[in-house]
Amino acid sequence: MFFYMISSITIKKELNKLANPKQARVLQRFFKTKPGEYGEGDIFLGIKVPIQRQVVKKYYKDLPIGEIPKLLRTKVHEYRLTALLIMVAKFNAKNITKSDRKKIYNLYLKNTKYINNWDLVDLSAPNIIGVYLLDKSRTILYKLAKSKSLWERRIAILATFTFIRDNDFKDTLKIARILLRDKHDLIHKAVGWMLREIGKRDLSREENFLQAHYQVMPRVTLRYAIERFKETKRRHYMNK
């Protein structure tokens, strides 16, 4: 009997068929791909995320882990995002072995240079790095938080979203302190977002952090962090 082997080529061909040039032009602008911008050199096919998720659902079970880097190590954004979503799907599958989970975690960390736009980080870091580290040492996150790579720094703070959902705020707050003086807008937004998520669960913990740091944190971080506050309280922080 002949068995058809699912490969990265299979998925690339399917994604190529789904390409939308008009949407691609919109995404090229939205994700800042011009020279000097954070997404410089990124190539888009113009496929929306829900459509990519359909491709992932169709193939993730049968695609060998060893084929994933062939999708991930490319300049095509949708290839990379699909690869990461496949990793997430495999990593969180009920029948995943501890060995395969570790392989996916290590594969992720080995290829952070290709996880190089905010959507790639946000849709993968909490669901792979965060989940893996729930019951393990989180030292790697502090190394990533001090990285020269913008994307590794964003991975560090976004991975803690998983801990926040588990009402564990300690590492988020420590990493937020490390990143308070970061120079990039995408880190400012990510830190503010995570502080806001803490506030949804424990407002006093968020406010304690803000009281200690709001005078030195970037305005973008502060705006994101206090977005859900009442107007009078928002004004109190912003005016000071």
C-alpha atoms as a PDB file:
ATOM      1  CA  MET A   1       0.000   0.000   0.000  1.00  0.00           C
ATOM      2  CA  PHE A   2       1.290   3.487  -0.880  1.00  0.00           C
ATOM      3  CA  PHE A   3       1.270   6.172   1.843  1.00  0.00           C
ATOM      4  CA  TYR A   4       1.557   9.816   0.832  1.00  0.00           C
ATOM      5  CA  MET A   5       4.105  11.654   2.975  1.00  0.00           C
ATOM      6  CA  ILE A   6       3.045  15.139   4.061  1.00  0.00           C
ATOM      7  CA  SER A   7       5.958  17.547   3.692  1.00  0.00           C
ATOM      8  CA  SER A   8       6.676  21.257   3.907  1.00  0.00           C
ATOM      9  CA  ILE A   9       6.367  21.354   0.108  1.00  0.00           C
ATOM     10  CA  THR A  10       2.747  20.168   0.380  1.00  0.00           C
ATOM     11  CA  ILE A  11       1.894  23.037   2.695  1.00  0.00           C
ATOM     12  CA  LYS A  12       3.794  25.650   0.684  1.00  0.00           C
ATOM     13  CA  LYS A  13       1.894  24.615  -2.460  1.00  0.00           C
ATOM     14  CA  GLU A  14      -1.437  24.909  -0.655  1.00  0.00           C
ATOM     15  CA  LEU A  15      -0.564  28.322   0.752  1.00  0.00           C
ATOM     16  CA  ASN A  16       0.611  29.523  -2.653  1.00  0.00           C
ATOM     17  CA  LYS A  17      -2.807  28.598  -4.105  1.00  0.00           C
ATOM     18  CA  LEU A  18      -4.482  30.702  -1.405  1.00  0.00           C
ATOM     19  CA  ALA A  19      -2.354  33.791  -2.114  1.00  0.00           C
ATOM     20  CA  ASN A  20      -4.169  37.102  -2.487  1.00  0.00           C
ATOM     21  CA  PRO A  21      -1.918  39.787  -4.077  1.00  0.00           C
ATOM     22  CA  LYS A  22      -4.246  42.657  -3.138  1.00  0.00           C
ATOM     23  CA  GLN A  23      -4.312  41.589   0.511  1.00  0.00           C
ATOM     24  CA  ALA A  24      -0.550  41.043   0.383  1.00  0.00           C
ATOM     25  CA  ARG A  25       0.012  44.705  -0.484  1.00  0.00           C
ATOM     26  CA  VAL A  26      -2.093  45.757   2.508  1.00  0.00           C
ATOM     27  CA  LEU A  27      -0.173  43.449   4.840  1.00  0.00           C
ATOM     28  CA  GLN A  28       3.206  44.632   3.520  1.00  0.00           C
ATOM     29  CA  ARG A  29       2.290  48.136   4.696  1.00  0.00           C
ATOM     30  CA  PHE A  30       0.625  47.066   7.953  1.00  0.00           C
ATOM     31  CA  PHE A  31       3.586  44.978   9.101  1.00  0.00           C
ATOM     32  CA  LYS A  32       6.163  47.682   8.301  1.00  0.00           C
ATOM     33  CA  THR A  33       8.275  45.929   5.662  1.00  0.00           C
ATOM     34  CA  LYS A  34      10.003  48.954   4.126  1.00  0.00           C
ATOM     35  CA  PRO A  35      13.793  49.450   4.509  1.00  0.00           C
ATOM     36  CA  GLY A  36      14.605  50.459   8.088  1.00  0.00           C
ATOM     37  CA  GLU A  37      11.247  49.320   9.469  1.00  0.00           C
ATOM     38  CA  TYR A  38      10.922  46.438  11.933  1.00  0.00           C
ATOM     39  CA  GLY A  39       9.544  44.037   9.296  1.00  0.00           C
ATOM     40  CA  GLU A  40      12.049  44.917   6.591  1.00  0.00           C
ATOM     41  CA  GLY A  41      12.284  42.240   3.909  1.00  0.00           C
ATOM     42  CA  ASP A  42       9.212  40.285   5.016  1.00  0.00           C
ATOM     43  CA  ILE A  43       7.283  38.839   2.069  1.00  0.00           C
ATOM     44  CA  PHE A  44       3.523  38.321   2.243  1.00  0.00           C
ATOM     45  CA  LEU A  45       1.222  36.085   0.228  1.00  0.00           C
ATOM     46  CA  GLY A  46      -1.874  37.870   1.555  1.00  0.00           C
ATOM     47  CA  ILE A  47      -3.542  35.018   3.461  1.00  0.00           C
ATOM     48  CA  LYS A  48      -5.579  35.860   6.552  1.00  0.00           C
ATOM     49  CA  VAL A  49      -4.928  33.970   9.792  1.00  0.00           C
ATOM     50  CA  PRO A  50      -8.256  32.047   9.922  1.00  0.00           C
ATOM     51  CA  ILE A  51      -7.496  30.577   6.478  1.00  0.00           C
ATOM     52  CA  GLN A  52      -4.008  29.596   7.615  1.00  0.00           C
ATOM     53  CA  ARG A  53      -5.550  27.909  10.649  1.00  0.00           C
ATOM     54  CA  GLN A  54      -7.632  25.759   8.297  1.00  0.00           C
ATOM     55  CA  VAL A  55      -4.436  24.614   6.573  1.00  0.00           C
ATOM     56  CA  VAL A  56      -2.878  23.907   9.972  1.00  0.00           C
ATOM     57  CA  LYS A  57      -5.874  21.821  11.067  1.00  0.00           C
ATOM     58  CA  LYS A  58      -5.674  19.819   7.863  1.00  0.00           C
ATOM     59  CA  TYR A  59      -1.973  18.942   8.086  1.00  0.00           C
ATOM     60  CA  TYR A  60      -0.500  19.385  11.572  1.00  0.00           C
ATOM     61  CA  LYS A  61      -0.997  15.793  12.726  1.00  0.00           C
ATOM     62  CA  ASP A  62       0.798  14.294   9.725  1.00  0.00           C
ATOM     63  CA  LEU A  63       3.613  16.783   9.208  1.00  0.00           C
ATOM     64  CA  PRO A  64       6.824  15.435  10.798  1.00  0.00           C
ATOM     65  CA  ILE A  65       8.494  17.810  13.270  1.00  0.00           C
ATOM     66  CA  GLY A  66      11.627  17.634  11.127  1.00  0.00           C
ATOM     67  CA  GLU A  67       9.777  19.320   8.237  1.00  0.00           C
ATOM     68  CA  ILE A  68       8.807  22.381  10.271  1.00  0.00           C
ATOM     69  CA  PRO A  69      12.144  24.243   9.895  1.00  0.00           C
ATOM     70  CA  LYS A  70      11.740  24.115   6.117  1.00  0.00           C
ATOM     71  CA  LEU A  71       8.605  26.212   6.514  1.00  0.00           C
ATOM     72  CA  LEU A  72       9.974  28.402   9.268  1.00  0.00           C
ATOM     73  CA  ARG A  73      13.328  29.332   7.754  1.00  0.00           C
ATOM     74  CA  THR A  74      11.939  31.353   4.854  1.00  0.00           C
ATOM     75  CA  LYS A  75      11.195  34.997   4.063  1.00  0.00           C
ATOM     76  CA  VAL A  76       7.505  34.300   3.388  1.00  0.00           C
ATOM     77  CA  HIS A  77       5.500  35.456   6.383  1.00  0.00           C
ATOM     78  CA  GLU A  78       2.624  33.010   5.937  1.00  0.00           C
ATOM     79  CA  TYR A  79       5.009  30.052   5.684  1.00  0.00           C
ATOM     80  CA  ARG A  80       6.560  31.068   8.997  1.00  0.00           C
ATOM     81  CA  LEU A  81       3.258  31.735  10.735  1.00  0.00           C
ATOM     82  CA  THR A  82       1.795  28.455   9.509  1.00  0.00           C
ATOM     83  CA  ALA A  83       4.905  26.652  10.758  1.00  0.00           C
ATOM     84  CA  LEU A  84       4.487  28.248  14.193  1.00  0.00           C
ATOM     85  CA  LEU A  85       0.773  27.465  14.334  1.00  0.00           C
ATOM     86  CA  ILE A  86       1.577  23.847  13.450  1.00  0.00           C
ATOM     87  CA  MET A  87       4.103  23.815  16.294  1.00  0.00           C
ATOM     88  CA  VAL A  88       1.454  25.174  18.671  1.00  0.00           C
ATOM     89  CA  ALA A  89      -1.100  22.593  17.507  1.00  0.00           C
ATOM     90  CA  LYS A  90       1.349  19.716  17.880  1.00  0.00           C
ATOM     91  CA  PHE A  91       2.692  20.981  21.199  1.00  0.00           C
ATOM     92  CA  ASN A  92      -0.773  21.186  22.740  1.00  0.00           C
ATOM     93  CA  ALA A  93      -2.179  17.971  21.234  1.00  0.00           C
ATOM     94  CA  LYS A  94      -3.514  15.521  23.834  1.00  0.00           C
ATOM     95  CA  ASN A  95      -1.351  12.639  22.628  1.00  0.00           C
ATOM     96  CA  ILE A  96       1.942  14.583  22.492  1.00  0.00           C
ATOM     97  CA  THR A  97       4.857  12.861  24.222  1.00  0.00           C
ATOM     98  CA  LYS A  98       7.156  14.684  26.656  1.00  0.00           C
ATOM     99  CA  SER A  99      10.003  14.023  24.227  1.00  0.00           C
ATOM    100  CA  ASP A 100       8.205  15.666  21.298  1.00  0.00           C
ATOM    101  CA  ARG A 101       7.157  18.596  23.457  1.00  0.00           C
ATOM    102  CA  LYS A 102      10.768  19.187  24.373  1.00  0.00           C
ATOM    103  CA  LYS A 103      11.783  18.896  20.701  1.00  0.00           C
ATOM    104  CA  ILE A 104       9.272  21.574  19.724  1.00  0.00           C
ATOM    105  CA  TYR A 105      10.338  23.845  22.593  1.00  0.00           C
ATOM    106  CA  ASN A 106      14.009  23.498  21.618  1.00  0.00           C
ATOM    107  CA  LEU A 107      13.177  23.971  17.925  1.00  0.00           C
ATOM    108  CA  TYR A 108      11.404  27.213  18.807  1.00  0.00           C
ATOM    109  CA  LEU A 109      14.341  28.612  20.768  1.00  0.00           C
ATOM    110  CA  LYS A 110      16.800  27.545  18.073  1.00  0.00           C
ATOM    111  CA  ASN A 111      14.881  29.500  15.431  1.00  0.00           C
ATOM    112  CA  THR A 112      13.964  32.767  17.137  1.00  0.00           C
ATOM    113  CA  LYS A 113      15.627  34.732  14.302  1.00  0.00           C
ATOM    114  CA  TYR A 114      12.742  33.589  12.084  1.00  0.00           C
ATOM    115  CA  ILE A 115      10.058  34.465  14.666  1.00  0.00           C
ATOM    116  CA  ASN A 116      10.543  38.043  13.639  1.00  0.00           C
ATOM    117  CA  ASN A 117       7.279  39.928  13.640  1.00  0.00           C
ATOM    118  CA  TRP A 118       4.862  40.727  16.431  1.00  0.00           C
ATOM    119  CA  ASP A 119       2.064  38.435  15.264  1.00  0.00           C
ATOM    120  CA  LEU A 120       4.470  35.504  14.970  1.00  0.00           C
ATOM    121  CA  VAL A 121       5.569  36.056  18.568  1.00  0.00           C
ATOM    122  CA  ASP A 122       2.136  36.744  20.019  1.00  0.00           C
ATOM    123  CA  LEU A 123       0.459  33.679  18.513  1.00  0.00           C
ATOM    124  CA  SER A 124       3.214  31.279  19.550  1.00  0.00           C
ATOM    125  CA  ALA A 125       5.306  32.343  22.560  1.00  0.00           C
ATOM    126  CA  PRO A 126       2.585  31.970  25.239  1.00  0.00           C
ATOM    127  CA  ASN A 127       1.416  28.657  23.785  1.00  0.00           C
ATOM    128  CA  ILE A 128       4.823  27.015  23.469  1.00  0.00           C
ATOM    129  CA  ILE A 129       7.428  28.723  25.663  1.00  0.00           C
ATOM    130  CA  GLY A 130       4.950  29.792  28.336  1.00  0.00           C
ATOM    131  CA  VAL A 131       3.210  26.427  28.556  1.00  0.00           C
ATOM    132  CA  TYR A 132       6.493  24.482  28.608  1.00  0.00           C
ATOM    133  CA  LEU A 133       7.888  26.573  31.451  1.00  0.00           C
ATOM    134  CA  LEU A 134       4.812  26.420  33.677  1.00  0.00           C
ATOM    135  CA  ASP A 135       6.431  23.807  35.898  1.00  0.00           C
ATOM    136  CA  LYS A 136      10.106  24.513  35.100  1.00  0.00           C
ATOM    137  CA  SER A 137      12.845  27.053  35.678  1.00  0.00           C
ATOM    138  CA  ARG A 138      12.198  30.287  33.823  1.00  0.00           C
ATOM    139  CA  THR A 139      15.813  31.441  33.635  1.00  0.00           C
ATOM    140  CA  ILE A 140      15.713  31.398  29.821  1.00  0.00           C
ATOM    141  CA  LEU A 141      13.147  34.215  29.834  1.00  0.00           C
ATOM    142  CA  TYR A 142      15.539  36.551  31.638  1.00  0.00           C
ATOM    143  CA  LYS A 143      18.218  35.770  29.080  1.00  0.00           C
ATOM    144  CA  LEU A 144      15.784  36.538  26.267  1.00  0.00           C
ATOM    145  CA  ALA A 145      14.639  39.739  28.010  1.00  0.00           C
ATOM    146  CA  LYS A 146      18.228  41.043  27.882  1.00  0.00           C
ATOM    147  CA  SER A 147      18.783  40.007  24.263  1.00  0.00           C
ATOM    148  CA  LYS A 148      19.771  42.470  21.544  1.00  0.00           C
ATOM    149  CA  SER A 149      16.961  40.967  19.460  1.00  0.00           C
ATOM    150  CA  LEU A 150      13.690  42.888  19.630  1.00  0.00           C
ATOM    151  CA  TRP A 151      11.788  39.677  18.965  1.00  0.00           C
ATOM    152  CA  GLU A 152      13.506  37.670  21.686  1.00  0.00           C
ATOM    153  CA  ARG A 153      12.670  40.436  24.157  1.00  0.00           C
ATOM    154  CA  ARG A 154       9.035  40.337  23.043  1.00  0.00           C
ATOM    155  CA  ILE A 155       9.036  36.524  23.334  1.00  0.00           C
ATOM    156  CA  ALA A 156      10.251  36.894  26.931  1.00  0.00           C
ATOM    157  CA  ILE A 157       7.390  39.119  28.050  1.00  0.00           C
ATOM    158  CA  LEU A 158       4.677  37.439  25.933  1.00  0.00           C
ATOM    159  CA  ALA A 159       5.591  33.975  27.207  1.00  0.00           C
ATOM    160  CA  THR A 160       4.558  35.148  30.674  1.00  0.00           C
ATOM    161  CA  PHE A 161       0.974  35.615  29.459  1.00  0.00           C
ATOM    162  CA  THR A 162       0.531  31.906  30.212  1.00  0.00           C
ATOM    163  CA  PHE A 163       1.671  32.445  33.806  1.00  0.00           C
ATOM    164  CA  ILE A 164      -0.701  35.409  34.163  1.00  0.00           C
ATOM    165  CA  ARG A 165      -3.614  33.193  33.108  1.00  0.00           C
ATOM    166  CA  ASP A 166      -2.512  30.898  35.934  1.00  0.00           C
ATOM    167  CA  ASN A 167      -2.573  33.884  38.360  1.00  0.00           C
ATOM    168  CA  ASP A 168       1.213  33.815  38.628  1.00  0.00           C
ATOM    169  CA  PHE A 169       2.509  37.373  38.128  1.00  0.00           C
ATOM    170  CA  LYS A 170       6.018  37.272  39.596  1.00  0.00           C
ATOM    171  CA  ASP A 171       8.005  36.707  36.391  1.00  0.00           C
ATOM    172  CA  THR A 172       5.900  39.129  34.354  1.00  0.00           C
ATOM    173  CA  LEU A 173       6.608  41.919  36.827  1.00  0.00           C
ATOM    174  CA  LYS A 174      10.320  41.117  37.020  1.00  0.00           C
ATOM    175  CA  ILE A 175      10.677  41.040  33.228  1.00  0.00           C
ATOM    176  CA  ALA A 176       8.581  44.201  32.917  1.00  0.00           C
ATOM    177  CA  ARG A 177      11.148  45.953  35.145  1.00  0.00           C
ATOM    178  CA  ILE A 178      13.982  44.760  32.910  1.00  0.00           C
ATOM    179  CA  LEU A 179      12.171  46.100  29.836  1.00  0.00           C
ATOM    180  CA  LEU A 180      10.939  49.398  31.292  1.00  0.00           C
ATOM    181  CA  ARG A 181      13.668  51.411  29.584  1.00  0.00           C
ATOM    182  CA  ASP A 182      13.567  49.490  26.317  1.00  0.00           C
ATOM    183  CA  LYS A 183      13.747  51.778  23.303  1.00  0.00           C
ATOM    184  CA  HIS A 184      11.298  49.970  20.982  1.00  0.00           C
ATOM    185  CA  ASP A 185       7.620  50.801  20.717  1.00  0.00           C
ATOM    186  CA  LEU A 186       6.690  47.134  20.255  1.00  0.00           C
ATOM    187  CA  ILE A 187       8.198  46.309  23.640  1.00  0.00           C
ATOM    188  CA  HIS A 188       6.469  49.292  25.267  1.00  0.00           C
ATOM    189  CA  LYS A 189       3.114  48.009  24.004  1.00  0.00           C
ATOM    190  CA  ALA A 190       3.788  44.402  25.009  1.00  0.00           C
ATOM    191  CA  VAL A 191       4.786  45.340  28.568  1.00  0.00           C
ATOM    192  CA  GLY A 192       1.749  47.590  28.976  1.00  0.00           C
ATOM    193  CA  TRP A 193      -0.505  44.853  27.629  1.00  0.00           C
ATOM    194  CA  MET A 194       0.829  42.295  30.130  1.00  0.00           C
ATOM    195  CA  LEU A 195       0.458  44.754  33.013  1.00  0.00           C
ATOM    196  CA  ARG A 196      -3.153  45.318  31.948  1.00  0.00           C
ATOM    197  CA  GLU A 197      -3.724  41.555  31.933  1.00  0.00           C
ATOM    198  CA  ILE A 198      -2.402  41.362  35.504  1.00  0.00           C
ATOM    199  CA  GLY A 199      -4.786  44.168  36.446  1.00  0.00           C
ATOM    200  CA  LYS A 200      -7.764  42.213  35.119  1.00  0.00           C
ATOM    201  CA  ARG A 201      -6.995  39.521  37.693  1.00  0.00           C
ATOM    202  CA  ASP A 202      -5.405  41.483  40.545  1.00  0.00           C
ATOM    203  CA  LEU A 203      -5.725  45.234  40.268  1.00  0.00           C
ATOM    204  CA  SER A 204      -3.737  45.896  43.430  1.00  0.00           C
ATOM    205  CA  ARG A 205      -0.687  44.057  42.031  1.00  0.00           C
ATOM    206  CA  GLU A 206      -0.793  46.144  38.865  1.00  0.00           C
ATOM    207  CA  GLU A 207      -1.264  49.391  40.791  1.00  0.00           C
ATOM    208  CA  ASN A 208       1.602  48.592  43.147  1.00  0.00           C
ATOM    209  CA  PHE A 209       3.852  48.201  40.107  1.00  0.00           C
ATOM    210  CA  LEU A 210       2.538  51.399  38.517  1.00  0.00           C
ATOM    211  CA  GLN A 211       3.002  53.424  41.697  1.00  0.00           C
ATOM    212  CA  ALA A 212       6.644  52.352  41.793  1.00  0.00           C
ATOM    213  CA  HIS A 213       7.419  52.874  38.114  1.00  0.00           C
ATOM    214  CA  TYR A 214       4.854  55.007  36.270  1.00  0.00           C
ATOM    215  CA  GLN A 215       7.034  58.130  36.355  1.00  0.00           C
ATOM    216  CA  VAL A 216       9.827  56.448  34.391  1.00  0.00           C
ATOM    217  CA  MET A 217       7.943  54.039  32.129  1.00  0.00           C
ATOM    218  CA  PRO A 218       7.281  54.978  28.488  1.00  0.00           C
ATOM    219  CA  ARG A 219       3.980  56.759  27.930  1.00  0.00           C
ATOM    220  CA  VAL A 220       2.846  54.014  25.529  1.00  0.00           C
ATOM    221  CA  THR A 221       3.404  51.381  28.216  1.00  0.00           C
ATOM    222  CA  LEU A 222       1.455  53.428  30.729  1.00  0.00           C
ATOM    223  CA  ARG A 223      -1.433  54.050  28.317  1.00  0.00           C
ATOM    224  CA  TYR A 224      -1.748  50.333  27.578  1.00  0.00           C
ATOM    225  CA  ALA A 225      -1.489  49.423  31.262  1.00  0.00           C
ATOM    226  CA  ILE A 226      -4.250  51.779  32.421  1.00  0.00           C
ATOM    227  CA  GLU A 227      -6.576  51.327  29.445  1.00  0.00           C
ATOM    228  CA  ARG A 228      -9.291  49.664  31.566  1.00  0.00           C
ATOM    229  CA  PHE A 229      -9.093  52.142  34.447  1.00  0.00           C
ATOM    230  CA  LYS A 230     -11.839  54.665  35.106  1.00  0.00           C
ATOM    231  CA  GLU A 231     -11.245  57.984  33.378  1.00  0.00           C
ATOM    232  CA  THR A 232     -10.412  59.864  36.577  1.00  0.00           C
ATOM    233  CA  LYS A 233      -7.770  57.314  37.512  1.00  0.00           C
ATOM    234  CA  ARG A 234      -6.330  57.331  33.966  1.00  0.00           C
ATOM    235  CA  ARG A 235      -6.000  61.096  34.127  1.00  0.00           C
ATOM    236  CA  HIS A 236      -4.318  60.822  37.527  1.00  0.00           C
ATOM    237  CA  TYR A 237      -1.549  58.639  36.083  1.00  0.00           C
ATOM    238  CA  MET A 238      -1.179  60.396  32.735  1.00  0.00           C
ATOM    239  CA  ASN A 239      -1.083  63.917  34.197  1.00  0.00           C
ATOM    240  CA  LYS A 240       1.732  63.014  36.559  1.00  0.00           C
END
